[in-house]
Amino acid sequence: MIYGNRKNGGEHGTVFTKPEVVDFMLDLAGLKSPEDYLSKKCLDPSVGEGAFILGLTKRILNSFGGDRHKVARDLIARALANISVAEIDSSKLKAFKERMRTIITKCDPTLAGLENCVTIFPGDYLLLDTGRFDVVVGNPPYVRYDNIPALSAERYRMSFSCFRERCDLYVAFIEKALKALGPGGSLVYICADRWLTNSYGDRLRKLIARNFHFADLIKIEGFSPFNEKVVAYPSIFRIVNAKPGGTRLLNARKISELAISSPPDKAKNVSLDENGNFLISEDRKDFVTIEDQGFTIGIGVATGADDVLIVKKAEVTIEDDVLVPLITRKDTIGDRIVWKDRYVINPYFGETTRLIDLDGHPLLAHYLEGHRTRLSNRHVAKRNPDNWYRTIDRITPSLVRKPKLLIPDISSQNAMILDPGQYYPHHNFYYIIGASIEDLAVLRALLSSAFIRRQVAEKGVLMNGGTLRWQAQTLRKLKLPDIRLLTKMMKDDLIAAYGAGDFDLIESLAGLRVA
């Protein structure tokens, strides 16, 4: 067990890809003909039990196994010798070798031993010298930063310029694979695509945009490409060691839509800006971003100990001046606020980053001392033990009084909440401020349109079941009509359409329909 277990019992870093998806990715990588097998060096850097290489081996056997002459054996051996694999888990590597042997001998018992033609790199691919390849294909480990052993994470930071912040392990796998590509070589991976939008992917996106051709991006929606359900849909991408160029974008909603020659109405051409951000073809030149209109986007407070630092006023004895009314997802039903006397303890002095003196707040001091062990064990407290009672994020009480549009971080419905200026948002809300409550209501209507929701799905993370992940970095990329240019009548009509749940009318009113 290298990275520990997931909640569903599976191991972190281990997800098995369906055969149909494997076949599509091998085609996408250009491994389709006898000439390809004999001329292209291929690597799976995290082979696991071998879904991709076993699929490739079957293709090789079908191509050269038609007769049993020595020439066929030699050709199979040559093709298999072009394959290399790496794997950190010795038990998986053992299973892979056995499966290779079984597939080869089942085709022809006289081919026994040819599995040894494959080059095997046991150990951590990220720290191995594996050489250069024409194709790197596979499913890199799904491992969040917190599950990476600390010593390994430090070594990765020293080795990979793009492995920064709290990024997933696959970022390092992408960077290393790109550096291993020979001229014209292709990297084809299936993995989470958060790196395309999250801040920790900034360096990797820039590296690709300036040095490689991001040839294909297939965003998967509505089905799992793995032999288990997924929480967030992944993407398949092909990046070529060639001059930067346009990208083919496909949103695949059924496994049958995975095809090299997708129908023209399914695929579209997009491009990258110099920072590696996708410019979706549906973006309208006359539309602008939310922040271009004078709004500000933020995220609510994270405490690191909600069970201690979020309280109900009737249940604690604490000075009133440190209690800030807080709104969480539990205080809402749909887009309505049903507040339940919830407060966050504000340990900061006024609007500053300085912590209050507990000697001046004896009731609070007594309460916090009773939870000192819990608070001191947080990562944020260990960094600075003197500030053991701080929240992860600074609290600025003036935010309470500002009108806000609150957007749940994960939502399958149009459930955006208008706060006229009464509450502080919890970290499971993104908030938008900087305008009147009326303009925020107009913005809510526009963000509820199918046009905008499609942008969120394309520029952000689409979760299982069509649930959207409303991240701040995604909100900042959305393009929509400029509310400042709308007439009073148009604003009133948009607000009324939202109130009536008529989202088709919102599309028409704002000119959002795309031919």
Protein backbone atom coordinates (compact mmCIF):
# COMPACT_ATOMS: atom_id res chain seq x y z
CA MET A 1 0.00 0.00 0.00
CA ILE A 2 1.92 3.06 -1.26
CA TYR A 3 -0.49 5.97 -0.78
CA GLY A 4 -3.18 4.58 1.55
CA ASN A 5 -6.85 3.80 0.92
CA ARG A 6 -9.64 5.93 -0.49
CA LYS A 7 -13.04 6.22 1.20
CA ASN A 8 -14.51 3.57 -1.12
CA GLY A 9 -11.83 1.09 -0.04
CA GLY A 10 -9.71 1.39 -3.18
CA GLU A 11 -6.09 2.41 -3.03
CA HIS A 12 -5.04 6.00 -3.70
CA GLY A 13 -3.35 6.08 -7.11
CA THR A 14 -5.17 3.00 -8.42
CA VAL A 15 -8.06 3.24 -10.89
CA PHE A 16 -8.62 0.69 -13.68
CA THR A 17 -9.47 1.95 -17.17
CA LYS A 18 -12.16 0.31 -19.29
CA PRO A 19 -10.96 -1.59 -22.41
CA GLU A 20 -12.97 0.66 -24.78
CA VAL A 21 -11.21 3.70 -23.36
CA VAL A 22 -7.82 1.97 -23.60
CA ASP A 23 -8.43 1.23 -27.30
CA PHE A 24 -9.41 4.84 -27.97
CA MET A 25 -6.30 6.15 -26.25
CA LEU A 26 -3.98 3.75 -28.10
CA ASP A 27 -5.49 4.97 -31.37
CA LEU A 28 -5.12 8.58 -30.24
CA ALA A 29 -1.46 7.89 -29.43
CA GLY A 30 -0.86 6.59 -32.96
CA LEU A 31 -0.33 2.93 -32.03
CA LYS A 32 -2.55 1.39 -34.68
CA SER A 33 -0.50 -0.50 -37.26
CA PRO A 34 2.37 -3.02 -37.49
CA GLU A 35 4.62 -0.20 -38.63
CA ASP A 36 3.76 1.75 -35.47
CA TYR A 37 4.56 -1.20 -33.21
CA LEU A 38 7.94 -1.75 -34.86
CA SER A 39 9.02 1.88 -35.05
CA LYS A 40 7.67 3.67 -31.97
CA LYS A 41 9.11 3.39 -28.50
CA CYS A 42 6.28 3.42 -25.94
CA LEU A 43 6.21 3.93 -22.17
CA ASP A 44 3.50 3.45 -19.54
CA PRO A 45 4.99 5.25 -16.51
CA SER A 46 2.50 3.84 -14.01
CA VAL A 47 1.62 0.47 -15.47
CA GLY A 48 -0.27 -0.94 -12.49
CA GLU A 49 -1.65 -4.27 -13.60
CA GLY A 50 -1.22 -3.29 -17.21
CA ALA A 51 -4.47 -2.19 -18.89
CA PHE A 52 -2.74 -0.10 -21.57
CA ILE A 53 0.24 -2.35 -22.25
CA LEU A 54 -1.90 -5.49 -22.24
CA GLY A 55 -4.18 -3.81 -24.78
CA LEU A 56 -1.16 -2.89 -26.90
CA THR A 57 0.23 -6.43 -26.58
CA LYS A 58 -3.03 -7.89 -27.88
CA ARG A 59 -2.79 -5.59 -30.90
CA ILE A 60 0.77 -6.73 -31.55
CA LEU A 61 -0.17 -10.41 -31.28
CA ASN A 62 -3.10 -9.92 -33.65
CA SER A 63 -0.86 -8.18 -36.16
CA PHE A 64 2.05 -10.63 -36.18
CA GLY A 65 0.57 -13.82 -34.77
CA GLY A 66 -1.23 -14.98 -37.90
CA ASP A 67 1.38 -17.64 -38.70
CA ARG A 68 3.75 -19.53 -36.48
CA HIS A 69 6.95 -19.09 -38.45
CA LYS A 70 10.09 -17.77 -36.82
CA VAL A 71 9.68 -14.42 -38.59
CA ALA A 72 6.40 -13.85 -36.70
CA ARG A 73 8.07 -14.56 -33.37
CA ASP A 74 10.92 -12.20 -34.24
CA LEU A 75 8.50 -9.42 -35.20
CA ILE A 76 6.52 -9.83 -32.00
CA ALA A 77 9.75 -9.76 -30.00
CA ARG A 78 10.88 -6.58 -31.80
CA ALA A 79 7.54 -4.88 -31.16
CA LEU A 80 7.48 -5.87 -27.50
CA ALA A 81 11.07 -4.65 -27.12
CA ASN A 82 9.78 -1.15 -27.97
CA ILE A 83 7.64 -1.18 -24.83
CA SER A 84 8.81 0.05 -21.43
CA VAL A 85 6.90 0.25 -18.17
CA ALA A 86 7.51 1.71 -14.73
CA GLU A 87 5.74 0.85 -11.50
CA ILE A 88 6.42 1.74 -7.87
CA ASP A 89 4.27 -1.05 -6.40
CA SER A 90 6.05 -4.43 -6.59
CA SER A 91 2.81 -6.39 -6.10
CA LYS A 92 1.20 -4.68 -9.09
CA LEU A 93 4.32 -5.24 -11.15
CA LYS A 94 4.21 -8.95 -10.32
CA ALA A 95 0.55 -9.11 -11.38
CA PHE A 96 1.35 -7.27 -14.61
CA LYS A 97 4.13 -9.73 -15.54
CA GLU A 98 1.83 -12.69 -14.92
CA ARG A 99 -0.95 -11.20 -17.03
CA MET A 100 1.50 -10.49 -19.86
CA ARG A 101 2.75 -14.08 -19.77
CA THR A 102 -0.82 -15.43 -19.80
CA ILE A 103 -1.91 -13.32 -22.78
CA ILE A 104 1.17 -14.22 -24.82
CA THR A 105 1.10 -17.97 -24.14
CA LYS A 106 -2.67 -18.12 -24.68
CA CYS A 107 -2.07 -16.75 -28.17
CA ASP A 108 0.66 -19.34 -28.82
CA PRO A 109 2.46 -21.47 -26.19
CA THR A 110 5.63 -21.34 -28.30
CA LEU A 111 5.82 -17.59 -27.63
CA ALA A 112 6.49 -18.19 -23.94
CA GLY A 113 9.20 -15.92 -22.61
CA LEU A 114 8.54 -13.01 -24.99
CA GLU A 115 7.05 -11.06 -22.09
CA ASN A 116 10.66 -10.59 -21.00
CA CYS A 117 11.27 -8.42 -24.08
CA VAL A 118 9.42 -5.58 -22.33
CA THR A 119 11.74 -3.24 -20.43
CA ILE A 120 10.67 -2.87 -16.80
CA PHE A 121 11.67 0.01 -14.53
CA PRO A 122 10.78 -0.99 -10.96
CA GLY A 123 10.50 1.94 -8.57
CA ASP A 124 9.31 5.53 -8.56
CA TYR A 125 9.05 6.70 -12.18
CA LEU A 126 9.42 10.31 -11.10
CA LEU A 127 12.91 9.59 -9.79
CA LEU A 128 14.06 7.15 -12.52
CA ASP A 129 16.02 7.76 -15.72
CA THR A 130 13.89 5.99 -18.31
CA GLY A 131 15.11 7.66 -21.51
CA ARG A 132 13.10 9.19 -24.37
CA PHE A 133 10.01 7.85 -26.12
CA ASP A 134 7.77 8.37 -29.11
CA VAL A 135 4.64 7.65 -27.05
CA VAL A 136 3.88 7.96 -23.35
CA VAL A 137 0.42 6.60 -22.56
CA GLY A 138 -1.46 5.69 -19.42
CA ASN A 139 -3.41 6.65 -16.35
CA PRO A 140 -1.13 8.46 -13.88
CA PRO A 141 -1.74 7.94 -10.15
CA TYR A 142 -4.69 9.74 -8.58
CA VAL A 143 -3.01 10.99 -5.41
CA ARG A 144 -3.83 14.24 -3.64
CA TYR A 145 -0.99 16.25 -2.14
CA ASP A 146 -1.88 15.30 1.43
CA ASN A 147 -1.44 11.60 0.60
CA ILE A 148 2.05 12.01 -0.88
CA PRO A 149 4.78 11.06 1.63
CA ALA A 150 6.49 14.25 2.81
CA LEU A 151 9.99 13.14 1.79
CA SER A 152 8.80 12.20 -1.69
CA ALA A 153 6.94 15.49 -2.11
CA GLU A 154 10.12 17.41 -1.25
CA ARG A 155 12.15 15.44 -3.80
CA TYR A 156 9.49 16.07 -6.46
CA ARG A 157 9.58 19.80 -5.76
CA MET A 158 13.35 19.74 -6.32
CA SER A 159 13.01 17.78 -9.57
CA PHE A 160 9.96 19.36 -11.24
CA SER A 161 9.46 23.07 -11.73
CA CYS A 162 5.68 22.60 -12.15
CA PHE A 163 5.19 20.64 -8.93
CA ARG A 164 4.21 23.57 -6.72
CA GLU A 165 1.65 24.50 -4.08
CA ARG A 166 -0.60 21.58 -3.08
CA CYS A 167 -0.83 19.97 -6.48
CA ASP A 168 -1.89 16.41 -7.27
CA LEU A 169 0.79 13.85 -8.09
CA TYR A 170 -0.24 13.65 -11.74
CA VAL A 171 1.21 17.15 -12.32
CA ALA A 172 4.70 15.73 -11.85
CA PHE A 173 3.82 12.74 -14.05
CA ILE A 174 2.73 15.07 -16.85
CA GLU A 175 5.84 17.25 -16.61
CA LYS A 176 8.24 14.30 -16.59
CA ALA A 177 6.46 12.60 -19.49
CA LEU A 178 6.59 15.77 -21.58
CA LYS A 179 10.34 16.01 -21.03
CA ALA A 180 10.70 12.38 -22.11
CA LEU A 181 9.06 12.87 -25.53
CA GLY A 182 11.23 12.72 -28.60
CA PRO A 183 10.56 15.10 -31.53
CA GLY A 184 6.96 14.61 -32.66
CA GLY A 185 6.29 12.30 -29.71
CA SER A 186 2.85 12.15 -28.08
CA LEU A 187 1.74 12.08 -24.47
CA VAL A 188 -1.75 10.57 -24.02
CA TYR A 189 -3.10 10.48 -20.48
CA ILE A 190 -6.45 10.07 -18.82
CA CYS A 191 -6.64 11.89 -15.50
CA ALA A 192 -8.39 14.59 -13.54
CA ASP A 193 -8.29 17.93 -15.34
CA ARG A 194 -8.23 20.27 -12.36
CA TRP A 195 -4.74 21.35 -13.42
CA LEU A 196 -6.34 23.07 -16.44
CA THR A 197 -8.12 25.55 -14.16
CA ASN A 198 -6.56 25.45 -10.68
CA SER A 199 -3.78 27.81 -9.66
CA TYR A 200 -1.40 24.91 -9.01
CA GLY A 201 -1.52 24.11 -12.72
CA ASP A 202 -0.33 27.57 -13.81
CA ARG A 203 3.29 26.60 -14.49
CA LEU A 204 2.36 23.39 -16.27
CA ARG A 205 -0.14 25.19 -18.52
CA LYS A 206 2.46 27.80 -19.43
CA LEU A 207 5.07 25.12 -20.13
CA ILE A 208 2.72 23.38 -22.54
CA ALA A 209 1.41 26.52 -24.24
CA ARG A 210 4.90 27.78 -25.02
CA ASN A 211 6.69 24.54 -25.89
CA PHE A 212 4.20 21.87 -27.02
CA HIS A 213 1.14 21.31 -29.16
CA PHE A 214 -1.92 20.56 -27.02
CA ALA A 215 -3.56 18.58 -29.81
CA ASP A 216 -6.63 16.98 -28.20
CA LEU A 217 -8.76 17.45 -25.10
CA ILE A 218 -11.65 15.06 -24.55
CA LYS A 219 -13.73 16.05 -21.53
CA ILE A 220 -15.75 13.09 -20.26
CA GLU A 221 -19.26 13.73 -18.94
CA GLY A 222 -22.04 11.39 -17.94
CA PHE A 223 -20.18 8.07 -17.86
CA SER A 224 -17.26 6.57 -16.01
CA PRO A 225 -14.25 5.57 -18.12
CA PHE A 226 -13.07 3.38 -15.25
CA ASN A 227 -14.28 0.14 -13.73
CA GLU A 228 -15.80 2.10 -10.85
CA LYS A 229 -17.86 5.25 -10.40
CA VAL A 230 -16.09 8.60 -10.36
CA VAL A 231 -16.69 11.64 -8.17
CA ALA A 232 -15.33 14.09 -10.75
CA TYR A 233 -15.17 13.29 -14.45
CA PRO A 234 -11.64 13.11 -15.89
CA SER A 235 -10.36 14.11 -19.30
CA ILE A 236 -8.25 12.45 -21.95
CA PHE A 237 -5.62 14.61 -23.58
CA ARG A 238 -2.91 14.34 -26.22
CA ILE A 239 0.06 16.68 -26.11
CA VAL A 240 2.66 16.52 -28.88
CA ASN A 241 6.30 17.56 -28.79
CA ALA A 242 5.80 19.92 -31.70
CA LYS A 243 5.18 23.58 -32.47
CA PRO A 244 2.15 24.94 -30.55
CA GLY A 245 -1.12 24.82 -32.47
CA GLY A 246 -4.89 24.52 -32.17
CA THR A 247 -6.70 22.03 -29.96
CA ARG A 248 -9.60 19.72 -30.79
CA LEU A 249 -12.10 19.85 -27.90
CA LEU A 250 -14.69 17.12 -27.53
CA ASN A 251 -17.26 16.74 -24.77
CA ALA A 252 -17.97 13.00 -24.72
CA ARG A 253 -21.23 12.17 -22.95
CA LYS A 254 -21.36 8.51 -23.99
CA ILE A 255 -18.54 6.00 -24.27
CA SER A 256 -19.54 5.44 -27.91
CA GLU A 257 -18.54 9.05 -28.65
CA LEU A 258 -14.89 8.23 -28.06
CA ALA A 259 -13.68 8.11 -31.64
CA ILE A 260 -10.74 9.61 -33.46
CA SER A 261 -13.00 11.06 -36.16
CA SER A 262 -15.75 12.57 -34.06
CA PRO A 263 -18.82 14.09 -35.80
CA PRO A 264 -18.34 17.75 -36.73
CA ASP A 265 -21.23 18.78 -34.46
CA LYS A 266 -19.55 17.15 -31.49
CA ALA A 267 -15.96 18.43 -31.71
CA LYS A 268 -14.82 22.02 -31.90
CA ASN A 269 -11.53 23.80 -32.32
CA VAL A 270 -10.16 25.94 -29.51
CA SER A 271 -6.84 27.56 -28.75
CA LEU A 272 -4.63 28.40 -25.79
CA ASP A 273 -3.53 31.82 -24.71
CA GLU A 274 0.13 32.38 -23.77
CA ASN A 275 -0.57 31.22 -20.22
CA GLY A 276 -2.12 27.93 -21.32
CA ASN A 277 -5.74 28.86 -20.64
CA PHE A 278 -8.30 27.59 -23.12
CA LEU A 279 -10.17 30.14 -25.19
CA ILE A 280 -13.53 28.46 -25.72
CA SER A 281 -14.93 29.11 -29.20
CA GLU A 282 -18.36 30.06 -27.80
CA ASP A 283 -16.96 33.07 -25.95
CA ARG A 284 -18.54 36.24 -27.31
CA LYS A 285 -16.29 39.20 -28.00
CA ASP A 286 -18.99 41.56 -26.73
CA PHE A 287 -19.16 39.72 -23.38
CA VAL A 288 -16.89 40.50 -20.45
CA THR A 289 -15.77 38.81 -17.24
CA ILE A 290 -17.47 39.28 -13.89
CA GLU A 291 -14.53 41.21 -12.44
CA ASP A 292 -14.30 43.43 -15.55
CA GLN A 293 -17.74 44.71 -14.48
CA GLY A 294 -16.49 45.89 -11.10
CA PHE A 295 -17.48 42.85 -9.06
CA THR A 296 -15.10 41.12 -6.63
CA ILE A 297 -14.97 37.33 -6.25
CA GLY A 298 -13.90 35.66 -3.02
CA ILE A 299 -14.32 32.56 -0.87
CA GLY A 300 -15.68 32.30 2.66
CA VAL A 301 -13.73 31.62 5.82
CA ALA A 302 -12.04 28.30 6.60
CA THR A 303 -11.36 27.76 10.30
CA GLY A 304 -9.60 24.39 10.39
CA ALA A 305 -11.79 23.49 13.38
CA ASP A 306 -15.44 24.19 12.60
CA ASP A 307 -16.55 22.08 15.56
CA VAL A 308 -14.83 24.56 17.91
CA LEU A 309 -14.79 27.90 16.11
CA ILE A 310 -18.34 27.83 14.76
CA VAL A 311 -20.91 28.08 17.56
CA LYS A 312 -24.53 28.79 18.30
CA LYS A 313 -24.82 31.90 20.44
CA ALA A 314 -27.39 30.36 22.76
CA GLU A 315 -25.06 27.47 23.57
CA VAL A 316 -21.87 29.33 24.57
CA THR A 317 -20.83 32.11 26.91
CA ILE A 318 -18.49 34.31 24.87
CA GLU A 319 -18.14 38.09 24.42
CA ASP A 320 -20.48 39.35 21.69
CA ASP A 321 -17.83 41.44 19.93
CA VAL A 322 -15.96 38.33 18.70
CA LEU A 323 -19.05 36.57 17.32
CA VAL A 324 -19.72 37.12 13.62
CA PRO A 325 -22.99 35.82 12.12
CA LEU A 326 -22.06 33.02 9.70
CA ILE A 327 -23.96 31.42 6.84
CA THR A 328 -23.21 27.84 5.84
CA ARG A 329 -24.87 25.40 3.44
CA LYS A 330 -26.91 24.15 6.41
CA ASP A 331 -28.47 27.61 6.68
CA THR A 332 -29.97 27.47 3.18
CA ILE A 333 -32.75 25.61 1.42
CA GLY A 334 -32.40 25.96 -2.34
CA ASP A 335 -31.77 29.66 -2.88
CA ARG A 336 -33.42 30.72 0.40
CA ILE A 337 -31.70 31.59 3.67
CA VAL A 338 -32.98 29.79 6.77
CA TRP A 339 -30.44 30.94 9.32
CA LYS A 340 -29.89 28.81 12.44
CA ASP A 341 -28.16 31.15 14.93
CA ARG A 342 -24.68 30.20 13.69
CA TYR A 343 -21.61 32.35 14.44
CA VAL A 344 -17.89 32.14 13.71
CA ILE A 345 -15.46 33.22 16.41
CA ASN A 346 -13.34 36.08 15.09
CA PRO A 347 -9.90 36.00 16.76
CA TYR A 348 -8.63 39.07 14.87
CA PHE A 349 -8.51 42.68 16.00
CA GLY A 350 -10.85 44.75 13.83
CA GLU A 351 -10.02 44.49 10.15
CA THR A 352 -6.36 43.68 10.80
CA THR A 353 -4.32 40.50 10.73
CA ARG A 354 -3.38 40.98 14.39
CA LEU A 355 -4.89 38.56 16.87
CA ILE A 356 -6.88 39.94 19.81
CA ASP A 357 -5.44 39.81 23.32
CA LEU A 358 -7.19 36.98 25.12
CA ASP A 359 -6.59 38.74 28.46
CA GLY A 360 -9.16 41.30 27.36
CA HIS A 361 -11.68 38.56 26.53
CA PRO A 362 -11.76 36.28 29.57
CA LEU A 363 -14.89 34.39 28.48
CA LEU A 364 -13.41 33.64 25.08
CA ALA A 365 -10.08 32.70 26.67
CA HIS A 366 -11.82 30.21 28.96
CA TYR A 367 -13.70 28.68 26.03
CA LEU A 368 -10.63 28.39 23.79
CA GLU A 369 -8.43 26.96 26.53
CA GLY A 370 -10.92 24.14 26.86
CA HIS A 371 -10.20 23.26 23.22
CA ARG A 372 -6.52 24.17 23.12
CA THR A 373 -5.28 20.69 22.19
CA ARG A 374 -7.72 20.46 19.28
CA LEU A 375 -6.81 23.93 17.98
CA SER A 376 -3.06 23.49 18.46
CA ASN A 377 -2.99 20.28 16.42
CA ARG A 378 -4.10 22.09 13.28
CA HIS A 379 -1.47 22.63 10.57
CA VAL A 380 -2.05 26.40 10.67
CA ALA A 381 -1.31 26.44 14.42
CA LYS A 382 1.78 24.25 14.20
CA ARG A 383 3.37 26.76 11.82
CA ASN A 384 3.11 29.42 14.52
CA PRO A 385 2.29 27.98 17.97
CA ASP A 386 1.80 31.47 19.49
CA ASN A 387 -1.18 31.95 17.15
CA TRP A 388 -2.78 28.65 18.11
CA TYR A 389 -6.32 30.09 18.19
CA ARG A 390 -6.35 31.79 14.77
CA THR A 391 -8.61 30.72 11.90
CA ILE A 392 -7.03 29.55 8.65
CA ASP A 393 -8.40 32.61 6.84
CA ARG A 394 -8.50 36.13 8.22
CA ILE A 395 -11.99 37.41 9.02
CA THR A 396 -12.92 40.93 7.93
CA PRO A 397 -16.19 41.76 9.73
CA SER A 398 -17.12 44.55 7.30
CA LEU A 399 -17.89 41.86 4.70
CA VAL A 400 -21.02 41.02 6.70
CA ARG A 401 -22.68 44.34 5.80
CA LYS A 402 -22.02 44.09 2.06
CA PRO A 403 -24.68 42.69 -0.30
CA LYS A 404 -23.46 39.34 -1.58
CA LEU A 405 -24.26 36.68 -4.12
CA LEU A 406 -23.38 33.34 -2.52
CA ILE A 407 -22.55 30.40 -4.79
CA PRO A 408 -22.16 26.90 -3.30
CA ASP A 409 -18.80 25.36 -4.17
CA ILE A 410 -20.51 22.26 -5.57
CA SER A 411 -24.05 22.42 -6.92
CA SER A 412 -26.26 20.37 -9.24
CA GLN A 413 -29.03 23.01 -9.24
CA ASN A 414 -29.41 26.74 -9.76
CA ALA A 415 -29.12 27.41 -6.03
CA MET A 416 -27.42 30.80 -5.68
CA ILE A 417 -28.28 32.82 -2.59
CA LEU A 418 -28.68 36.57 -2.26
CA ASP A 419 -27.56 37.99 1.09
CA PRO A 420 -28.58 41.66 1.45
CA GLY A 421 -25.77 42.21 3.97
CA GLN A 422 -26.39 40.13 7.11
CA TYR A 423 -23.93 37.22 7.16
CA TYR A 424 -20.30 36.16 6.76
CA PRO A 425 -19.87 33.29 4.26
CA HIS A 426 -18.43 29.92 5.25
CA HIS A 427 -15.71 28.44 3.02
CA ASN A 428 -18.21 26.21 1.20
CA PHE A 429 -19.51 29.38 -0.45
CA TYR A 430 -17.87 31.56 -3.07
CA TYR A 431 -19.15 35.11 -2.85
CA ILE A 432 -19.47 38.03 -5.26
CA ILE A 433 -19.66 41.61 -3.99
CA GLY A 434 -19.23 45.11 -5.39
CA ALA A 435 -22.69 46.10 -6.58
CA SER A 436 -26.25 46.73 -5.46
CA ILE A 437 -28.49 43.86 -4.46
CA GLU A 438 -30.41 44.46 -7.71
CA ASP A 439 -27.34 44.00 -9.91
CA LEU A 440 -26.38 40.91 -7.92
CA ALA A 441 -29.85 39.53 -8.61
CA VAL A 442 -29.31 40.19 -12.32
CA LEU A 443 -25.93 38.46 -12.13
CA ARG A 444 -27.59 35.47 -10.44
CA ALA A 445 -30.05 35.21 -13.31
CA LEU A 446 -27.28 35.32 -15.92
CA LEU A 447 -25.16 32.75 -14.09
CA SER A 448 -28.16 30.41 -14.07
CA SER A 449 -28.32 30.26 -17.87
CA ALA A 450 -27.32 27.12 -19.77
CA PHE A 451 -24.78 29.19 -21.71
CA ILE A 452 -22.91 30.12 -18.54
CA ARG A 453 -23.27 26.68 -16.98
CA ARG A 454 -21.69 25.19 -20.10
CA GLN A 455 -18.74 27.54 -19.67
CA VAL A 456 -18.38 26.38 -16.06
CA ALA A 457 -18.36 22.75 -17.21
CA GLU A 458 -15.77 23.46 -19.93
CA LYS A 459 -13.50 25.80 -17.98
CA GLY A 460 -13.85 24.15 -14.61
CA VAL A 461 -14.53 20.71 -13.13
CA LEU A 462 -17.69 18.73 -13.89
CA MET A 463 -18.57 16.30 -11.14
CA ASN A 464 -20.50 13.03 -11.35
CA GLY A 465 -24.18 13.47 -12.24
CA GLY A 466 -23.64 16.81 -13.97
CA THR A 467 -22.81 18.62 -10.71
CA LEU A 468 -20.82 21.82 -11.27
CA ARG A 469 -17.75 22.88 -9.31
CA TRP A 470 -18.01 26.66 -8.91
CA GLN A 471 -14.41 27.59 -8.19
CA ALA A 472 -13.16 31.16 -7.94
CA GLN A 473 -10.67 30.67 -10.79
CA THR A 474 -13.51 29.36 -12.99
CA LEU A 475 -15.84 32.22 -12.09
CA ARG A 476 -13.12 34.66 -13.11
CA LYS A 477 -12.95 33.17 -16.62
CA LEU A 478 -16.66 33.29 -17.43
CA LYS A 479 -17.83 35.69 -20.16
CA LEU A 480 -21.31 37.19 -19.91
CA PRO A 481 -23.24 40.34 -20.85
CA ASP A 482 -22.11 43.56 -19.22
CA ILE A 483 -24.76 44.30 -16.59
CA ARG A 484 -23.76 47.98 -16.58
CA LEU A 485 -25.09 48.29 -20.14
CA LEU A 486 -28.49 46.69 -19.49
CA THR A 487 -31.59 48.87 -19.22
CA LYS A 488 -33.72 48.96 -16.06
CA MET A 489 -36.47 47.11 -17.91
CA MET A 490 -34.03 44.38 -19.04
CA LYS A 491 -32.75 43.95 -15.50
CA ASP A 492 -36.29 43.70 -14.12
CA ASP A 493 -37.22 41.11 -16.74
CA LEU A 494 -34.16 38.99 -15.99
CA ILE A 495 -34.87 39.04 -12.26
CA ALA A 496 -38.51 38.12 -12.89
CA ALA A 497 -37.49 35.28 -15.23
CA TYR A 498 -35.22 33.86 -12.56
CA GLY A 499 -37.98 34.11 -9.98
CA ALA A 500 -40.29 32.18 -12.30
CA GLY A 501 -37.64 29.55 -13.01
CA ASP A 502 -37.84 30.39 -16.72
CA PHE A 503 -34.20 29.85 -17.70
CA ASP A 504 -35.02 29.66 -21.41
CA LEU A 505 -36.38 33.20 -21.14
CA ILE A 506 -33.15 34.30 -19.46
CA GLU A 507 -31.23 32.91 -22.45
CA SER A 508 -33.39 34.87 -24.88
CA LEU A 509 -33.46 38.12 -22.89
CA ALA A 510 -29.69 38.33 -22.59
CA GLY A 511 -28.95 37.18 -26.14
CA LEU A 512 -27.15 34.12 -24.88
CA ARG A 513 -28.41 31.60 -27.38
CA VAL A 514 -25.62 30.31 -29.62
CA ALA A 515 -26.41 29.22 -33.15
